[in-house]
């Protein structure tokens, strides 16, 4: 069993990582951090280096927190939503944690397509969190 978190380096990603870390600690279970990119021309060597540096920071913060974890960096052409759900299924995910962007009144009518797919397609519960207001 594991807590699965979709992580990108944004305030929403940081909020999701923090909530997932707290859940893993409280449940005494492993945390799986999923960082997924479609790849291709839009993801070059500089992006790969930057992502590795960011994930090193995540690794250090989780080690300091004393949480058992695994980081899965995926660049295999899949939609990040598919990767997150797939990792949850492979890892026996008991909870998926995702970050949500705050939206305008019009934007609130439609939940982001990735978040909506995860909420509808995941076989386990999904915790959605927002970043603190600035």
N, C-alpha and C. Protein backbone atom coordinates (compact mmCIF):
# COMPACT_ATOMS: atom_id res chain seq x y z
N UNK A 1 0.84 -1.19 0.00
CA UNK A 1 0.00 0.00 0.00
C UNK A 1 0.88 1.25 0.00
N UNK A 2 0.35 2.31 -0.60
CA UNK A 2 1.14 3.54 -0.71
C UNK A 2 0.22 4.73 -0.94
N UNK A 3 0.74 5.89 -0.60
CA UNK A 3 0.12 7.16 -0.95
C UNK A 3 0.81 7.61 -2.23
N UNK A 4 0.03 7.99 -3.24
CA UNK A 4 0.57 8.41 -4.53
C UNK A 4 0.31 9.91 -4.68
N UNK A 5 1.34 10.65 -5.07
CA UNK A 5 1.15 12.09 -5.29
C UNK A 5 1.68 12.46 -6.67
N UNK A 6 0.88 13.22 -7.40
CA UNK A 6 1.32 13.79 -8.66
C UNK A 6 2.05 15.08 -8.36
N UNK A 7 3.32 15.16 -8.77
CA UNK A 7 4.13 16.32 -8.41
C UNK A 7 4.69 17.03 -9.63
N UNK A 8 4.46 18.34 -9.66
CA UNK A 8 5.15 19.25 -10.56
C UNK A 8 5.58 20.45 -9.71
N UNK A 9 6.58 21.15 -10.16
CA UNK A 9 7.14 22.24 -9.36
C UNK A 9 6.32 23.51 -9.52
N UNK A 10 5.17 23.53 -8.87
CA UNK A 10 4.27 24.68 -8.82
C UNK A 10 3.78 24.81 -7.38
N UNK A 11 3.16 25.93 -7.03
CA UNK A 11 2.58 26.01 -5.68
C UNK A 11 1.57 24.89 -5.41
N UNK A 12 0.80 24.51 -6.44
CA UNK A 12 -0.16 23.43 -6.27
C UNK A 12 0.55 22.09 -6.06
N UNK A 13 1.64 21.88 -6.79
CA UNK A 13 2.43 20.66 -6.62
C UNK A 13 3.04 20.59 -5.23
N UNK A 14 3.54 21.72 -4.75
CA UNK A 14 4.10 21.77 -3.39
C UNK A 14 3.04 21.46 -2.34
N UNK A 15 1.83 22.01 -2.53
CA UNK A 15 0.74 21.75 -1.58
C UNK A 15 0.36 20.26 -1.59
N UNK A 16 0.32 19.67 -2.78
CA UNK A 16 -0.01 18.24 -2.89
C UNK A 16 1.07 17.40 -2.21
N UNK A 17 2.34 17.73 -2.45
CA UNK A 17 3.44 16.98 -1.85
C UNK A 17 3.40 17.07 -0.33
N UNK A 18 3.14 18.24 0.18
CA UNK A 18 3.06 18.44 1.63
C UNK A 18 1.93 17.61 2.24
N UNK A 19 0.76 17.66 1.61
CA UNK A 19 -0.39 16.90 2.12
C UNK A 19 -0.12 15.40 2.02
N UNK A 20 0.48 14.96 0.93
CA UNK A 20 0.78 13.54 0.75
C UNK A 20 1.81 13.07 1.78
N UNK A 21 2.82 13.88 2.03
CA UNK A 21 3.83 13.54 3.04
C UNK A 21 3.18 13.37 4.41
N UNK A 22 2.28 14.30 4.76
CA UNK A 22 1.58 14.22 6.04
C UNK A 22 0.70 12.98 6.13
N UNK A 23 0.02 12.64 5.03
CA UNK A 23 -0.82 11.44 5.00
C UNK A 23 0.03 10.18 5.14
N UNK A 24 1.15 10.12 4.44
CA UNK A 24 2.03 8.95 4.52
C UNK A 24 2.57 8.78 5.94
N UNK A 25 2.94 9.88 6.55
CA UNK A 25 3.45 9.82 7.92
C UNK A 25 2.35 9.35 8.88
N UNK A 26 1.16 9.91 8.75
CA UNK A 26 0.05 9.55 9.65
C UNK A 26 -0.37 8.09 9.47
N UNK A 27 -0.34 7.60 8.24
CA UNK A 27 -0.76 6.23 7.95
C UNK A 27 0.38 5.22 8.06
N UNK A 28 1.60 5.75 8.30
CA UNK A 28 2.80 4.90 8.37
C UNK A 28 2.94 4.03 7.12
N UNK A 29 2.84 4.69 5.99
CA UNK A 29 2.94 3.99 4.72
C UNK A 29 3.89 4.72 3.79
N UNK A 30 4.24 4.08 2.72
CA UNK A 30 5.18 4.62 1.74
C UNK A 30 4.52 5.71 0.88
N UNK A 31 5.32 6.67 0.47
CA UNK A 31 4.88 7.74 -0.42
C UNK A 31 5.55 7.53 -1.78
N UNK A 32 4.75 7.54 -2.84
CA UNK A 32 5.28 7.45 -4.19
C UNK A 32 5.01 8.78 -4.88
N UNK A 33 6.07 9.47 -5.25
CA UNK A 33 6.00 10.76 -5.92
C UNK A 33 6.10 10.51 -7.42
N UNK A 34 5.09 10.93 -8.16
CA UNK A 34 5.06 10.72 -9.61
C UNK A 34 5.25 12.06 -10.31
N UNK A 35 6.32 12.15 -11.09
CA UNK A 35 6.60 13.33 -11.89
C UNK A 35 6.60 12.86 -13.35
N UNK A 36 5.57 13.25 -14.08
CA UNK A 36 5.36 12.71 -15.42
C UNK A 36 5.44 13.82 -16.48
N UNK A 37 6.15 13.50 -17.56
CA UNK A 37 6.27 14.40 -18.71
C UNK A 37 5.96 13.61 -19.96
N UNK A 38 5.31 14.24 -20.91
CA UNK A 38 5.04 13.55 -22.17
C UNK A 38 6.31 13.32 -22.97
N UNK A 39 7.27 14.21 -22.81
CA UNK A 39 8.51 14.07 -23.58
C UNK A 39 8.38 14.76 -24.92
N UNK A 40 9.17 14.31 -25.88
CA UNK A 40 9.15 14.91 -27.21
C UNK A 40 9.94 16.19 -27.27
N UNK A 41 9.70 16.96 -28.31
CA UNK A 41 10.47 18.17 -28.57
C UNK A 41 10.31 19.21 -27.48
N UNK A 42 9.19 19.19 -26.76
CA UNK A 42 8.96 20.20 -25.73
C UNK A 42 9.68 19.88 -24.42
N UNK A 43 10.34 18.73 -24.34
CA UNK A 43 11.07 18.34 -23.13
C UNK A 43 12.50 18.01 -23.54
N UNK A 44 13.39 19.01 -23.44
CA UNK A 44 14.77 18.83 -23.91
C UNK A 44 15.73 18.55 -22.76
N UNK A 45 17.00 18.53 -23.08
CA UNK A 45 18.03 18.24 -22.09
C UNK A 45 18.04 19.21 -20.93
N UNK A 46 17.82 20.50 -21.21
CA UNK A 46 17.78 21.49 -20.14
C UNK A 46 16.62 21.22 -19.19
N UNK A 47 15.47 20.84 -19.76
CA UNK A 47 14.32 20.50 -18.93
C UNK A 47 14.62 19.29 -18.05
N UNK A 48 15.30 18.31 -18.62
CA UNK A 48 15.64 17.10 -17.86
C UNK A 48 16.58 17.43 -16.70
N UNK A 49 17.55 18.30 -16.94
CA UNK A 49 18.49 18.70 -15.88
C UNK A 49 17.75 19.46 -14.78
N UNK A 50 16.90 20.40 -15.18
CA UNK A 50 16.14 21.19 -14.21
C UNK A 50 15.22 20.27 -13.39
N UNK A 51 14.57 19.34 -14.05
CA UNK A 51 13.67 18.43 -13.35
C UNK A 51 14.44 17.58 -12.35
N UNK A 52 15.61 17.12 -12.73
CA UNK A 52 16.44 16.30 -11.82
C UNK A 52 16.85 17.11 -10.59
N UNK A 53 17.18 18.39 -10.79
CA UNK A 53 17.53 19.25 -9.66
C UNK A 53 16.34 19.44 -8.72
N UNK A 54 15.18 19.64 -9.29
CA UNK A 54 13.96 19.81 -8.50
C UNK A 54 13.66 18.54 -7.71
N UNK A 55 13.78 17.40 -8.37
CA UNK A 55 13.49 16.13 -7.70
C UNK A 55 14.53 15.81 -6.63
N UNK A 56 15.76 16.29 -6.79
CA UNK A 56 16.76 16.15 -5.73
C UNK A 56 16.33 16.91 -4.48
N UNK A 57 15.77 18.11 -4.68
CA UNK A 57 15.26 18.89 -3.55
C UNK A 57 14.11 18.15 -2.87
N UNK A 58 13.23 17.57 -3.66
CA UNK A 58 12.11 16.79 -3.10
C UNK A 58 12.67 15.62 -2.30
N UNK A 59 13.62 14.92 -2.86
CA UNK A 59 14.25 13.76 -2.21
C UNK A 59 14.82 14.17 -0.84
N UNK A 60 15.56 15.27 -0.81
CA UNK A 60 16.17 15.73 0.44
C UNK A 60 15.11 16.09 1.48
N UNK A 61 14.04 16.77 1.05
CA UNK A 61 13.01 17.16 2.02
C UNK A 61 12.27 15.94 2.58
N UNK A 62 12.06 14.92 1.77
CA UNK A 62 11.39 13.72 2.25
C UNK A 62 12.30 12.90 3.16
N UNK A 63 13.60 12.88 2.86
CA UNK A 63 14.55 12.20 3.75
C UNK A 63 14.57 12.89 5.11
N UNK A 64 14.59 14.23 5.11
CA UNK A 64 14.57 14.99 6.36
C UNK A 64 13.29 14.75 7.15
N UNK A 65 12.18 14.53 6.44
CA UNK A 65 10.89 14.30 7.10
C UNK A 65 10.78 12.88 7.64
N UNK A 66 11.71 12.00 7.25
CA UNK A 66 11.68 10.63 7.75
C UNK A 66 10.58 9.78 7.16
N UNK A 67 10.18 10.09 5.93
CA UNK A 67 9.10 9.35 5.27
C UNK A 67 9.73 8.36 4.29
N UNK A 68 9.22 7.11 4.30
CA UNK A 68 9.66 6.15 3.28
C UNK A 68 9.06 6.61 1.95
N UNK A 69 9.87 6.67 0.91
CA UNK A 69 9.36 7.20 -0.35
C UNK A 69 10.07 6.58 -1.54
N UNK A 70 9.44 6.77 -2.68
CA UNK A 70 10.01 6.42 -3.97
C UNK A 70 9.64 7.56 -4.92
N UNK A 71 10.57 7.98 -5.76
CA UNK A 71 10.28 9.00 -6.77
C UNK A 71 10.28 8.32 -8.13
N UNK A 72 9.19 8.51 -8.86
CA UNK A 72 9.07 7.94 -10.20
C UNK A 72 9.02 9.10 -11.20
N UNK A 73 10.11 9.29 -11.92
CA UNK A 73 10.15 10.29 -12.98
C UNK A 73 9.86 9.57 -14.29
N UNK A 74 8.76 9.92 -14.92
CA UNK A 74 8.31 9.21 -16.11
C UNK A 74 8.29 10.14 -17.31
N UNK A 75 8.99 9.74 -18.36
CA UNK A 75 8.98 10.45 -19.63
C UNK A 75 8.77 9.36 -20.68
N UNK A 76 7.52 8.96 -20.83
CA UNK A 76 7.26 7.83 -21.73
C UNK A 76 6.14 8.10 -22.72
N UNK A 77 5.79 9.37 -22.89
CA UNK A 77 4.82 9.73 -23.91
C UNK A 77 3.37 9.64 -23.47
N UNK A 78 3.13 9.21 -22.24
CA UNK A 78 1.76 9.10 -21.75
C UNK A 78 1.27 10.44 -21.23
N UNK A 79 -0.02 10.58 -21.18
CA UNK A 79 -0.63 11.71 -20.50
C UNK A 79 -0.29 11.57 -19.01
N UNK A 80 0.08 12.65 -18.32
CA UNK A 80 0.40 12.54 -16.90
C UNK A 80 -0.73 11.91 -16.07
N UNK A 81 -1.96 12.13 -16.45
CA UNK A 81 -3.08 11.51 -15.75
C UNK A 81 -3.01 9.99 -15.85
N UNK A 82 -2.73 9.49 -17.05
CA UNK A 82 -2.60 8.04 -17.24
C UNK A 82 -1.46 7.48 -16.40
N UNK A 83 -0.33 8.19 -16.37
CA UNK A 83 0.80 7.74 -15.58
C UNK A 83 0.45 7.68 -14.10
N UNK A 84 -0.22 8.70 -13.59
CA UNK A 84 -0.56 8.75 -12.18
C UNK A 84 -1.49 7.60 -11.79
N UNK A 85 -2.51 7.38 -12.59
CA UNK A 85 -3.45 6.29 -12.30
C UNK A 85 -2.76 4.94 -12.42
N UNK A 86 -1.91 4.79 -13.43
CA UNK A 86 -1.18 3.54 -13.62
C UNK A 86 -0.26 3.23 -12.44
N UNK A 87 0.47 4.22 -11.97
CA UNK A 87 1.36 4.02 -10.82
C UNK A 87 0.55 3.68 -9.58
N UNK A 88 -0.60 4.33 -9.41
CA UNK A 88 -1.46 4.02 -8.26
C UNK A 88 -1.90 2.56 -8.30
N UNK A 89 -2.26 2.08 -9.47
CA UNK A 89 -2.69 0.68 -9.60
C UNK A 89 -1.52 -0.27 -9.35
N UNK A 90 -0.36 0.02 -9.92
CA UNK A 90 0.83 -0.82 -9.76
C UNK A 90 1.31 -0.88 -8.32
N UNK A 91 1.17 0.23 -7.60
CA UNK A 91 1.72 0.36 -6.25
C UNK A 91 0.73 0.02 -5.15
N UNK A 92 -0.46 -0.38 -5.52
CA UNK A 92 -1.48 -0.62 -4.50
C UNK A 92 -1.85 0.67 -3.80
N UNK A 93 -2.02 1.72 -4.58
CA UNK A 93 -2.32 3.04 -4.01
C UNK A 93 -3.58 3.03 -3.18
N UNK A 94 -3.45 3.51 -1.95
CA UNK A 94 -4.63 3.63 -1.09
C UNK A 94 -5.21 5.04 -1.14
N UNK A 95 -4.43 5.98 -1.69
CA UNK A 95 -4.87 7.36 -1.81
C UNK A 95 -4.01 8.04 -2.85
N UNK A 96 -4.65 8.85 -3.71
CA UNK A 96 -3.93 9.71 -4.65
C UNK A 96 -4.13 11.14 -4.17
N UNK A 97 -3.05 11.91 -4.15
CA UNK A 97 -3.12 13.33 -3.76
C UNK A 97 -2.75 14.17 -4.97
N UNK A 98 -3.60 15.15 -5.29
CA UNK A 98 -3.35 16.05 -6.41
C UNK A 98 -3.53 17.49 -5.95
N UNK A 99 -2.85 18.40 -6.62
CA UNK A 99 -3.01 19.83 -6.36
C UNK A 99 -3.96 20.43 -7.39
N UNK A 100 -4.81 21.33 -6.93
CA UNK A 100 -5.75 22.02 -7.83
C UNK A 100 -5.42 23.49 -7.90
N UNK A 101 -5.55 24.05 -9.09
CA UNK A 101 -5.39 25.49 -9.26
C UNK A 101 -6.67 26.20 -8.87
N UNK A 102 -6.50 27.37 -8.31
CA UNK A 102 -7.67 28.22 -8.05
C UNK A 102 -8.14 28.75 -9.40
N UNK A 103 -9.43 28.89 -9.55
CA UNK A 103 -9.98 29.30 -10.84
C UNK A 103 -10.87 30.52 -10.69
N UNK A 104 -11.08 31.16 -11.81
CA UNK A 104 -11.99 32.31 -11.85
C UNK A 104 -13.42 31.79 -11.69
N UNK A 105 -14.39 32.69 -11.47
CA UNK A 105 -15.78 32.22 -11.37
C UNK A 105 -16.22 31.42 -12.59
N UNK A 106 -15.81 31.83 -13.78
CA UNK A 106 -16.16 31.07 -14.99
C UNK A 106 -15.44 29.72 -14.98
N UNK A 107 -14.15 29.75 -14.63
CA UNK A 107 -13.36 28.52 -14.60
C UNK A 107 -13.87 27.50 -13.60
N UNK A 108 -14.58 27.97 -12.57
CA UNK A 108 -15.10 27.05 -11.56
C UNK A 108 -16.19 26.15 -12.11
N UNK A 109 -16.78 26.55 -13.23
CA UNK A 109 -17.82 25.72 -13.82
C UNK A 109 -17.25 24.41 -14.36
N UNK A 110 -15.97 24.44 -14.72
CA UNK A 110 -15.33 23.26 -15.29
C UNK A 110 -14.07 22.96 -14.49
N UNK A 111 -14.03 21.80 -13.86
CA UNK A 111 -12.82 21.36 -13.16
C UNK A 111 -11.77 21.04 -14.21
N UNK A 112 -10.51 21.25 -13.92
CA UNK A 112 -9.46 20.92 -14.87
C UNK A 112 -9.61 19.49 -15.37
N UNK A 113 -9.30 19.29 -16.65
CA UNK A 113 -9.54 17.97 -17.25
C UNK A 113 -8.70 16.88 -16.60
N UNK A 114 -7.45 17.17 -16.23
CA UNK A 114 -6.63 16.15 -15.57
C UNK A 114 -7.22 15.78 -14.21
N UNK A 115 -7.56 16.78 -13.42
CA UNK A 115 -8.14 16.51 -12.10
C UNK A 115 -9.45 15.75 -12.23
N UNK A 116 -10.26 16.15 -13.17
CA UNK A 116 -11.55 15.48 -13.37
C UNK A 116 -11.34 14.01 -13.74
N UNK A 117 -10.43 13.74 -14.64
CA UNK A 117 -10.17 12.34 -15.04
C UNK A 117 -9.68 11.51 -13.87
N UNK A 118 -8.78 12.09 -13.07
CA UNK A 118 -8.27 11.34 -11.92
C UNK A 118 -9.40 11.04 -10.94
N UNK A 119 -10.21 12.05 -10.65
CA UNK A 119 -11.34 11.84 -9.72
C UNK A 119 -12.30 10.77 -10.23
N UNK A 120 -12.54 10.74 -11.53
CA UNK A 120 -13.51 9.81 -12.09
C UNK A 120 -12.94 8.42 -12.37
N UNK A 121 -11.66 8.34 -12.70
CA UNK A 121 -11.10 7.06 -13.14
C UNK A 121 -10.29 6.30 -12.10
N UNK A 122 -9.83 6.96 -11.06
CA UNK A 122 -9.02 6.28 -10.06
C UNK A 122 -9.87 5.29 -9.27
N UNK A 123 -9.26 4.15 -8.94
CA UNK A 123 -9.95 3.13 -8.16
C UNK A 123 -9.86 3.37 -6.66
N UNK A 124 -9.02 4.31 -6.25
CA UNK A 124 -8.87 4.61 -4.83
C UNK A 124 -9.34 6.04 -4.56
N UNK A 125 -9.49 6.41 -3.30
CA UNK A 125 -9.87 7.79 -2.98
C UNK A 125 -8.83 8.79 -3.49
N UNK A 126 -9.30 10.00 -3.77
CA UNK A 126 -8.44 11.08 -4.26
C UNK A 126 -8.61 12.28 -3.34
N UNK A 127 -7.49 12.79 -2.85
CA UNK A 127 -7.48 13.99 -2.03
C UNK A 127 -6.98 15.13 -2.90
N UNK A 128 -7.79 16.16 -3.05
CA UNK A 128 -7.36 17.32 -3.84
C UNK A 128 -7.12 18.48 -2.89
N UNK A 129 -5.99 19.16 -3.09
CA UNK A 129 -5.61 20.27 -2.22
C UNK A 129 -5.30 21.50 -3.06
N UNK A 130 -5.40 22.66 -2.43
CA UNK A 130 -5.08 23.91 -3.11
C UNK A 130 -3.86 24.53 -2.42
N UNK A 131 -3.12 25.29 -3.18
CA UNK A 131 -2.00 26.04 -2.63
C UNK A 131 -2.55 27.20 -1.79
N UNK A 132 -1.79 27.64 -0.80
CA UNK A 132 -2.24 28.79 -0.02
C UNK A 132 -2.40 30.01 -0.92
N UNK A 133 -3.33 30.88 -0.56
CA UNK A 133 -3.49 32.13 -1.31
C UNK A 133 -2.27 33.00 -1.09
N UNK A 134 -1.93 33.76 -2.12
CA UNK A 134 -0.76 34.66 -2.02
C UNK A 134 -1.16 35.94 -1.33
